[in-house]
Amino acid sequence: MLSTKSFPVIEATLPIIAERISSITPNFYNRLFTAHPELLDGIFSRSNQKNGTQQQALAGSIAVFATYLVKYPNTTPETMLARVAHKHTSLGVVEEQYPIVYKHLFDAIAEDLGDALTPEIAEAWTEVYWLMAHALIKIEKGLYAQQANAEIYAPWKLVERTETGLDSVVFSFEPADETPVTVAKPGQFVSVRMPMADGIRQVRQYTLSNDIEHASRRTITVKLDVNGEFSPVIHNDLKIGDIVELSNPYGDLVVENDGSPLVIATAGIGCTPSAAALQTLAANGSNRKVTVLHADQEFSAWPLRDQMIESVSKLPEATISTWFERGELPEGLNAKAGYMDLTEALTEDAQVYLCGPLPFMNAVRNQALEAGVPAERIHYEVFGPDVWLAA
């Protein structure tokens, strides 16, 4: 909650800061990495810096947090904070790094605003920063405490790799040492840390797509991005028996065994969280009403297709519908040509889970809202920095 002194200052300056923050964050990251180049080795993604998504996510989260403090003075944006905290803990962000971020962020703000940044404004926005930072630190300490070990990363050995869909590979790992293993929940992800060609370690988050309740195995599904930095390395260089670093499982997009009708809408590689959720629901003998909707370029491109179809077949109250942009339509999957239409699948009491490219999720979310599904019943997962919530 903002102090009575800072509230009118933030309320008055929020429009200009919200407008300028997207220009401030690139300067901030340049300052941060100049002073602390080690943060690019195993924490921050060079690709996300290059394409600007990390800057967008940070700028948006600050603007969202400050806006929330003004509009809803007695609360905080819990959904946004939880998402950021889960990403942070999967990367090993710790309390001691927040003062470093503060210094370089506010140096960038001061440079951008110049004389317009009065001591009063700087003090008020400092309060906003530390309110957000302390909220995140509290959540992150709780998430770390829930794990079965105190390690950020542990070594895991690749024991199996299987092609799935078009340009996607399923990788299965088993522990390579005696580090206690946290049992994951369906829909959670792990960070994978590997050295690139220049020796600098990079990190990517991947949803656990199989073997969710088996602590002795972690399974992820990775789609190849030929223009990317990370996926070509894991696709082309990682061999059976190789050791990689995996984080503990994190993520709050968790599907429960029971509850109101569930609608899962995915596209492309975004099906990985739903594949894990369906497998777990089937293993638990769930009687929950589940409507599975998946869109893809063509039938053969669909990753984890067989796993998802098998899980649906084991769920007595589950149905599946599919959409494909091209190619022959398969039989028995209620397949249609073109783009996904949720109209017939939605009810006001449904819980809707989305995962896929941002344009897809925007379109599907709009359909759900127009059908009368409350915004709080629409959940989603973004691979990479969450630029959608920030927007």
Protein backbone atom coordinates (compact mmCIF):
# COMPACT_ATOMS: atom_id res chain seq x y z
CA MET A 1 0.00 0.00 0.00
CA LEU A 2 1.40 3.38 -1.02
CA SER A 3 1.99 5.99 1.66
CA THR A 4 -0.30 9.00 1.74
CA LYS A 5 2.69 11.12 0.74
CA SER A 6 3.56 9.08 -2.36
CA PHE A 7 0.05 8.27 -3.58
CA PRO A 8 -0.75 11.66 -5.23
CA VAL A 9 2.75 11.80 -6.74
CA ILE A 10 2.43 8.36 -8.33
CA GLU A 11 -1.11 9.12 -9.47
CA ALA A 12 0.08 12.32 -11.16
CA THR A 13 3.27 10.93 -12.73
CA LEU A 14 2.03 7.44 -13.69
CA PRO A 15 1.01 8.46 -17.25
CA ILE A 16 4.45 9.85 -18.12
CA ILE A 17 6.37 7.01 -16.44
CA ALA A 18 4.14 4.41 -18.12
CA GLU A 19 4.77 6.13 -21.44
CA ARG A 20 8.54 6.37 -20.93
CA ILE A 21 9.27 3.07 -19.16
CA SER A 22 9.60 1.09 -22.41
CA SER A 23 12.36 3.51 -23.45
CA ILE A 24 13.98 3.41 -20.00
CA THR A 25 14.31 -0.38 -19.67
CA PRO A 26 16.77 -0.89 -22.59
CA ASN A 27 19.07 1.69 -20.98
CA PHE A 28 18.63 -0.08 -17.66
CA TYR A 29 19.69 -3.45 -19.07
CA ASN A 30 22.69 -1.89 -20.84
CA ARG A 31 23.78 -0.40 -17.53
CA LEU A 32 23.12 -3.62 -15.63
CA PHE A 33 25.08 -5.88 -17.96
CA THR A 34 27.94 -3.41 -18.29
CA ALA A 35 28.34 -3.44 -14.52
CA HIS A 36 27.48 -7.12 -14.06
CA PRO A 37 28.26 -9.09 -17.24
CA GLU A 38 28.11 -12.29 -15.19
CA LEU A 39 24.31 -12.01 -15.17
CA LEU A 40 24.28 -12.98 -18.86
CA ASP A 41 25.98 -16.26 -17.94
CA GLY A 42 23.18 -18.52 -16.76
CA ILE A 43 20.47 -16.05 -15.67
CA PHE A 44 19.35 -13.63 -18.39
CA SER A 45 18.58 -14.76 -21.93
CA ARG A 46 20.59 -13.08 -24.66
CA SER A 47 17.84 -13.86 -27.16
CA ASN A 48 15.18 -12.15 -25.05
CA GLN A 49 17.45 -9.14 -24.71
CA LYS A 50 18.04 -9.04 -28.45
CA ASN A 51 14.38 -9.31 -29.45
CA GLY A 52 13.26 -6.88 -26.74
CA THR A 53 10.76 -9.16 -24.97
CA GLN A 54 12.57 -8.99 -21.64
CA GLN A 55 12.54 -5.20 -21.75
CA GLN A 56 8.82 -5.22 -22.61
CA ALA A 57 8.03 -7.60 -19.75
CA LEU A 58 9.92 -5.54 -17.16
CA ALA A 59 8.45 -2.26 -18.36
CA GLY A 60 4.97 -3.69 -18.35
CA SER A 61 5.24 -5.27 -14.92
CA ILE A 62 6.37 -2.00 -13.34
CA ALA A 63 3.56 -0.08 -15.03
CA VAL A 64 0.98 -2.73 -14.07
CA PHE A 65 2.13 -2.75 -10.45
CA ALA A 66 2.06 1.04 -10.10
CA THR A 67 -1.32 1.27 -11.83
CA TYR A 68 -2.72 -1.35 -9.48
CA LEU A 69 -1.48 0.55 -6.42
CA VAL A 70 -3.34 3.64 -7.62
CA LYS A 71 -6.56 1.93 -8.67
CA TYR A 72 -6.76 -0.63 -5.85
CA PRO A 73 -4.83 0.91 -2.94
CA ASN A 74 -5.35 -1.92 -0.46
CA THR A 75 -4.28 -4.80 -2.71
CA THR A 76 -1.49 -5.93 -5.01
CA PRO A 77 -1.65 -7.63 -8.46
CA GLU A 78 -1.22 -11.16 -7.13
CA THR A 79 -1.44 -12.89 -10.52
CA MET A 80 1.35 -10.81 -12.01
CA LEU A 81 3.54 -11.10 -8.91
CA ALA A 82 3.11 -14.88 -8.79
CA ARG A 83 4.06 -15.28 -12.43
CA VAL A 84 7.16 -13.13 -12.04
CA ALA A 85 8.15 -14.93 -8.82
CA HIS A 86 7.89 -18.38 -10.40
CA LYS A 87 10.09 -17.24 -13.31
CA HIS A 88 12.58 -15.66 -10.91
CA THR A 89 12.91 -18.72 -8.69
CA SER A 90 13.37 -21.01 -11.69
CA LEU A 91 16.36 -18.82 -12.61
CA GLY A 92 17.77 -18.54 -9.09
CA VAL A 93 17.04 -14.84 -8.50
CA VAL A 94 17.84 -13.94 -4.88
CA GLU A 95 17.10 -11.07 -2.53
CA GLU A 96 20.62 -9.64 -2.78
CA GLN A 97 20.12 -8.85 -6.48
CA TYR A 98 17.22 -6.44 -5.95
CA PRO A 99 19.40 -3.51 -4.76
CA ILE A 100 21.56 -4.00 -7.88
CA VAL A 101 18.50 -3.79 -10.10
CA TYR A 102 17.26 -0.74 -8.19
CA LYS A 103 20.50 1.18 -8.70
CA HIS A 104 20.72 0.68 -12.45
CA LEU A 105 17.00 1.07 -13.06
CA PHE A 106 16.83 4.39 -11.25
CA ASP A 107 20.03 5.61 -12.89
CA ALA A 108 18.32 4.91 -16.22
CA ILE A 109 15.15 6.70 -15.08
CA ALA A 110 17.18 9.72 -13.96
CA GLU A 111 19.00 9.89 -17.29
CA ASP A 112 15.76 9.66 -19.25
CA LEU A 113 13.73 12.18 -17.24
CA GLY A 114 16.54 14.61 -16.46
CA ASP A 115 15.49 17.61 -14.39
CA ALA A 116 11.87 16.42 -14.50
CA LEU A 117 12.81 13.76 -11.93
CA THR A 118 12.48 15.81 -8.77
CA PRO A 119 13.51 14.39 -5.37
CA GLU A 120 9.82 14.02 -4.51
CA ILE A 121 9.10 11.96 -7.64
CA ALA A 122 12.22 9.85 -7.16
CA GLU A 123 11.24 9.10 -3.58
CA ALA A 124 7.71 8.08 -4.57
CA TRP A 125 8.86 5.75 -7.35
CA THR A 126 11.50 4.31 -5.05
CA GLU A 127 8.66 3.38 -2.73
CA VAL A 128 6.84 1.69 -5.64
CA TYR A 129 9.96 -0.28 -6.55
CA TRP A 130 10.55 -1.58 -3.05
CA LEU A 131 6.89 -2.42 -2.48
CA MET A 132 7.07 -4.59 -5.59
CA ALA A 133 10.50 -5.97 -4.72
CA HIS A 134 9.58 -6.94 -1.16
CA ALA A 135 6.35 -8.57 -2.37
CA LEU A 136 8.34 -10.64 -4.87
CA ILE A 137 11.05 -11.51 -2.34
CA LYS A 138 8.42 -12.82 0.08
CA ILE A 139 6.77 -15.01 -2.57
CA GLU A 140 10.12 -16.23 -3.88
CA LYS A 141 11.36 -17.24 -0.42
CA GLY A 142 8.15 -19.24 0.01
CA LEU A 143 8.62 -20.97 -3.36
CA TYR A 144 12.23 -21.87 -2.57
CA ALA A 145 11.15 -23.27 0.81
CA GLN A 146 8.65 -25.61 -0.84
CA GLN A 147 11.37 -27.46 -2.75
CA ALA A 148 12.89 -30.74 -1.64
CA ASN A 149 16.38 -29.24 -1.85
CA ALA A 150 18.14 -25.90 -1.57
CA GLU A 151 19.83 -26.10 -4.99
CA ILE A 152 19.01 -23.77 -7.86
CA TYR A 153 20.18 -26.37 -10.41
CA ALA A 154 20.98 -30.05 -10.17
CA PRO A 155 22.60 -32.37 -12.74
CA TRP A 156 20.27 -34.61 -14.78
CA LYS A 157 21.24 -37.21 -17.38
CA LEU A 158 19.47 -37.56 -20.73
CA VAL A 159 18.13 -41.12 -20.91
CA GLU A 160 15.69 -40.93 -23.82
CA ARG A 161 14.87 -38.71 -26.80
CA THR A 162 11.96 -39.22 -29.18
CA GLU A 163 10.78 -37.28 -32.22
CA THR A 164 7.23 -35.96 -31.99
CA GLY A 165 5.21 -33.90 -34.44
CA LEU A 166 7.13 -31.64 -36.79
CA ASP A 167 10.58 -30.47 -35.63
CA SER A 168 9.85 -31.32 -31.98
CA VAL A 169 11.72 -33.72 -29.68
CA VAL A 170 10.76 -35.24 -26.34
CA PHE A 171 13.72 -35.32 -23.93
CA SER A 172 13.62 -37.43 -20.77
CA PHE A 173 16.13 -36.98 -17.94
CA GLU A 174 16.95 -38.87 -14.76
CA PRO A 175 18.90 -37.57 -11.72
CA ALA A 176 22.68 -37.67 -12.11
CA ASP A 177 23.43 -37.27 -8.40
CA GLU A 178 21.78 -37.68 -4.99
CA THR A 179 20.09 -34.28 -4.82
CA PRO A 180 16.56 -34.75 -3.38
CA VAL A 181 13.95 -34.34 -6.11
CA THR A 182 10.76 -32.28 -5.82
CA VAL A 183 7.63 -33.93 -7.19
CA ALA A 184 6.24 -31.67 -9.92
CA LYS A 185 2.63 -30.68 -10.55
CA PRO A 186 0.95 -30.87 -13.97
CA GLY A 187 1.49 -27.61 -15.82
CA GLN A 188 4.76 -26.69 -14.11
CA PHE A 189 8.04 -26.01 -15.89
CA VAL A 190 11.76 -26.36 -15.27
CA SER A 191 14.66 -24.20 -16.39
CA VAL A 192 17.27 -25.93 -18.52
CA ARG A 193 20.77 -24.42 -18.37
CA MET A 194 23.35 -25.33 -21.01
CA PRO A 195 26.56 -23.79 -22.41
CA MET A 196 26.36 -22.33 -25.89
CA ALA A 197 29.10 -22.46 -28.54
CA ASP A 198 31.00 -19.60 -26.90
CA GLY A 199 30.87 -21.27 -23.48
CA ILE A 200 28.32 -18.83 -22.03
CA ARG A 201 25.45 -20.65 -20.33
CA GLN A 202 21.93 -19.83 -21.44
CA VAL A 203 18.62 -20.80 -19.82
CA ARG A 204 15.21 -21.66 -21.20
CA GLN A 205 12.04 -22.75 -19.42
CA TYR A 206 10.19 -25.84 -20.67
CA THR A 207 6.92 -27.27 -19.43
CA LEU A 208 7.12 -30.79 -18.04
CA SER A 209 5.08 -32.70 -20.61
CA ASN A 210 5.17 -36.25 -19.21
CA ASP A 211 6.09 -38.32 -16.13
CA ILE A 212 4.77 -35.53 -13.91
CA GLU A 213 4.29 -37.49 -10.71
CA HIS A 214 7.46 -39.57 -11.06
CA ALA A 215 10.20 -37.76 -9.18
CA SER A 216 12.84 -39.94 -10.82
CA ARG A 217 12.25 -38.47 -14.28
CA ARG A 218 11.81 -35.09 -15.94
CA THR A 219 10.41 -34.96 -19.48
CA ILE A 220 10.23 -31.87 -21.68
CA THR A 221 9.25 -31.31 -25.31
CA VAL A 222 11.27 -28.82 -27.36
CA LYS A 223 10.33 -27.41 -30.75
CA LEU A 224 13.23 -26.45 -32.99
CA ASP A 225 13.62 -22.76 -33.81
CA VAL A 226 16.23 -22.77 -36.56
CA ASN A 227 16.89 -19.07 -35.98
CA GLY A 228 17.11 -19.41 -32.21
CA GLU A 229 20.17 -19.81 -30.02
CA PHE A 230 19.10 -22.47 -27.54
CA SER A 231 16.86 -25.00 -29.28
CA PRO A 232 19.37 -25.85 -32.07
CA VAL A 233 21.92 -26.75 -29.39
CA ILE A 234 19.58 -29.00 -27.41
CA HIS A 235 18.22 -30.56 -30.63
CA ASN A 236 21.51 -31.14 -32.42
CA ASP A 237 24.14 -31.51 -29.69
CA LEU A 238 22.45 -33.23 -26.74
CA LYS A 239 23.07 -36.99 -26.80
CA ILE A 240 21.92 -39.90 -24.64
CA GLY A 241 24.05 -39.95 -21.49
CA ASP A 242 24.84 -36.24 -21.56
CA ILE A 243 24.40 -34.22 -18.37
CA VAL A 244 22.46 -30.95 -18.22
CA GLU A 245 21.40 -28.66 -15.39
CA LEU A 246 17.71 -28.55 -14.48
CA SER A 247 16.01 -26.32 -11.94
CA ASN A 248 13.35 -27.41 -9.52
CA PRO A 249 9.79 -27.30 -10.92
CA TYR A 250 7.92 -23.98 -10.83
CA GLY A 251 4.80 -22.46 -12.34
CA ASP A 252 1.27 -21.69 -11.18
CA LEU A 253 -0.70 -22.96 -14.20
CA VAL A 254 -1.73 -26.13 -12.37
CA VAL A 255 -4.84 -28.12 -13.27
CA GLU A 256 -6.76 -29.68 -10.39
CA ASN A 257 -8.23 -33.19 -10.47
CA ASP A 258 -11.75 -32.00 -9.61
CA GLY A 259 -13.75 -28.86 -10.13
CA SER A 260 -15.97 -27.02 -12.59
CA PRO A 261 -15.92 -27.85 -16.31
CA LEU A 262 -12.46 -27.47 -17.77
CA VAL A 263 -11.72 -26.16 -21.25
CA ILE A 264 -8.12 -26.55 -22.47
CA ALA A 265 -7.33 -24.63 -25.66
CA THR A 266 -3.86 -24.92 -27.17
CA ALA A 267 -1.98 -24.39 -30.41
CA GLY A 268 1.28 -25.87 -31.66
CA ILE A 269 3.92 -26.59 -29.03
CA GLY A 270 1.64 -24.84 -26.54
CA CYS A 271 0.02 -28.23 -26.01
CA THR A 272 2.79 -29.33 -23.61
CA PRO A 273 1.08 -28.12 -20.40
CA SER A 274 -2.22 -29.68 -21.46
CA ALA A 275 -0.53 -32.97 -22.33
CA ALA A 276 0.85 -33.19 -18.80
CA ALA A 277 -2.45 -32.16 -17.23
CA LEU A 278 -4.45 -34.70 -19.23
CA GLN A 279 -2.01 -37.48 -18.41
CA THR A 280 -2.28 -36.70 -14.70
CA LEU A 281 -6.08 -36.42 -14.78
CA ALA A 282 -6.26 -39.81 -16.52
CA ALA A 283 -3.83 -41.41 -14.06
CA ASN A 284 -5.95 -40.12 -11.15
CA GLY A 285 -9.18 -41.43 -12.64
CA SER A 286 -10.70 -37.94 -12.79
CA ASN A 287 -14.39 -37.59 -13.60
CA ARG A 288 -14.07 -33.88 -14.27
CA LYS A 289 -15.73 -32.65 -17.45
CA VAL A 290 -12.85 -31.75 -19.80
CA THR A 291 -13.06 -30.22 -23.25
CA VAL A 292 -9.77 -30.40 -25.14
CA LEU A 293 -9.29 -28.07 -28.10
CA HIS A 294 -6.11 -28.04 -30.18
CA ALA A 295 -5.10 -26.12 -33.30
CA ASP A 296 -2.08 -26.80 -35.47
CA GLN A 297 -0.66 -26.26 -38.93
CA GLU A 298 -1.46 -29.84 -39.93
CA PHE A 299 -2.18 -33.17 -38.30
CA SER A 300 1.40 -34.47 -38.64
CA ALA A 301 2.80 -31.32 -37.00
CA TRP A 302 0.93 -31.86 -33.71
CA PRO A 303 3.46 -32.57 -30.89
CA LEU A 304 2.52 -35.17 -28.25
CA ARG A 305 -0.52 -36.10 -30.33
CA ASP A 306 -0.65 -39.76 -29.33
CA GLN A 307 -0.15 -38.98 -25.64
CA MET A 308 -3.00 -36.48 -25.62
CA ILE A 309 -5.41 -38.69 -27.56
CA GLU A 310 -4.66 -41.64 -25.27
CA SER A 311 -5.24 -39.55 -22.13
CA VAL A 312 -8.55 -38.23 -23.46
CA SER A 313 -9.66 -41.79 -24.20
CA LYS A 314 -9.14 -42.69 -20.54
CA LEU A 315 -11.19 -39.78 -19.19
CA PRO A 316 -14.92 -40.63 -19.13
CA GLU A 317 -16.04 -36.98 -19.28
CA ALA A 318 -13.48 -35.70 -21.80
CA THR A 319 -13.96 -34.73 -25.45
CA ILE A 320 -11.51 -33.45 -28.04
CA SER A 321 -11.86 -31.15 -31.05
CA THR A 322 -9.10 -30.09 -33.45
CA TRP A 323 -8.44 -27.49 -36.14
CA PHE A 324 -5.80 -27.66 -38.88
CA GLU A 325 -4.73 -24.95 -41.29
CA ARG A 326 -3.79 -27.34 -44.08
CA GLY A 327 -3.63 -30.99 -45.06
CA GLU A 328 -6.08 -33.85 -44.86
CA LEU A 329 -8.33 -33.85 -41.80
CA PRO A 330 -8.04 -36.90 -39.50
CA GLU A 331 -11.07 -38.98 -38.57
CA GLY A 332 -12.40 -39.35 -35.04
CA LEU A 333 -11.03 -36.10 -33.64
CA ASN A 334 -13.87 -33.77 -34.59
CA ALA A 335 -11.40 -32.11 -36.94
CA LYS A 336 -12.11 -28.93 -38.85
CA ALA A 337 -10.18 -26.79 -41.30
CA GLY A 338 -9.14 -23.26 -40.33
CA TYR A 339 -8.90 -21.57 -36.97
CA MET A 340 -10.22 -22.54 -33.55
CA ASP A 341 -13.75 -21.60 -32.52
CA LEU A 342 -14.61 -22.03 -28.84
CA THR A 343 -18.23 -20.94 -29.06
CA GLU A 344 -19.85 -24.33 -28.53
CA ALA A 345 -17.39 -25.42 -25.84
CA LEU A 346 -17.82 -22.56 -23.38
CA THR A 347 -20.09 -22.13 -20.41
CA GLU A 348 -20.01 -19.35 -17.84
CA ASP A 349 -18.83 -21.74 -15.11
CA ALA A 350 -15.93 -23.11 -17.19
CA GLN A 351 -12.29 -22.80 -16.21
CA VAL A 352 -10.38 -22.00 -19.40
CA TYR A 353 -6.67 -22.77 -19.82
CA LEU A 354 -4.80 -21.32 -22.81
CA CYS A 355 -1.32 -21.92 -24.18
CA GLY A 356 0.12 -21.10 -27.59
CA PRO A 357 1.32 -18.15 -29.67
CA LEU A 358 0.17 -14.74 -28.41
CA PRO A 359 -2.10 -13.99 -31.42
CA PHE A 360 -3.84 -17.33 -30.85
CA MET A 361 -4.32 -16.68 -27.12
CA ASN A 362 -5.61 -13.17 -27.77
CA ALA A 363 -8.22 -14.48 -30.21
CA VAL A 364 -9.29 -17.35 -27.97
CA ARG A 365 -9.43 -15.20 -24.83
CA ASN A 366 -11.66 -12.70 -26.62
CA GLN A 367 -14.01 -15.53 -27.61
CA ALA A 368 -14.16 -16.69 -23.99
CA LEU A 369 -14.88 -13.20 -22.69
CA GLU A 370 -17.59 -12.66 -25.31
CA ALA A 371 -19.16 -15.97 -24.26
CA GLY A 372 -19.51 -14.66 -20.71
CA VAL A 373 -16.58 -16.44 -19.04
CA PRO A 374 -15.23 -14.11 -16.30
CA ALA A 375 -11.65 -12.96 -16.79
CA GLU A 376 -10.57 -14.59 -13.52
CA ARG A 377 -11.57 -18.00 -14.95
CA ILE A 378 -9.26 -17.62 -17.94
CA HIS A 379 -5.72 -18.85 -17.27
CA TYR A 380 -2.74 -18.92 -19.61
CA GLU A 381 0.92 -19.76 -19.97
CA VAL A 382 3.44 -17.74 -21.98
CA PHE A 383 6.73 -19.32 -23.04
CA GLY A 384 9.39 -16.71 -22.26
CA PRO A 385 8.91 -13.23 -20.76
CA ASP A 386 5.24 -12.49 -20.08
CA VAL A 387 4.74 -9.60 -22.48
CA TRP A 388 1.01 -10.41 -22.73
CA LEU A 389 0.15 -9.60 -19.11
CA ALA A 390 2.41 -6.57 -19.30
CA ALA A 391 0.45 -5.27 -22.29
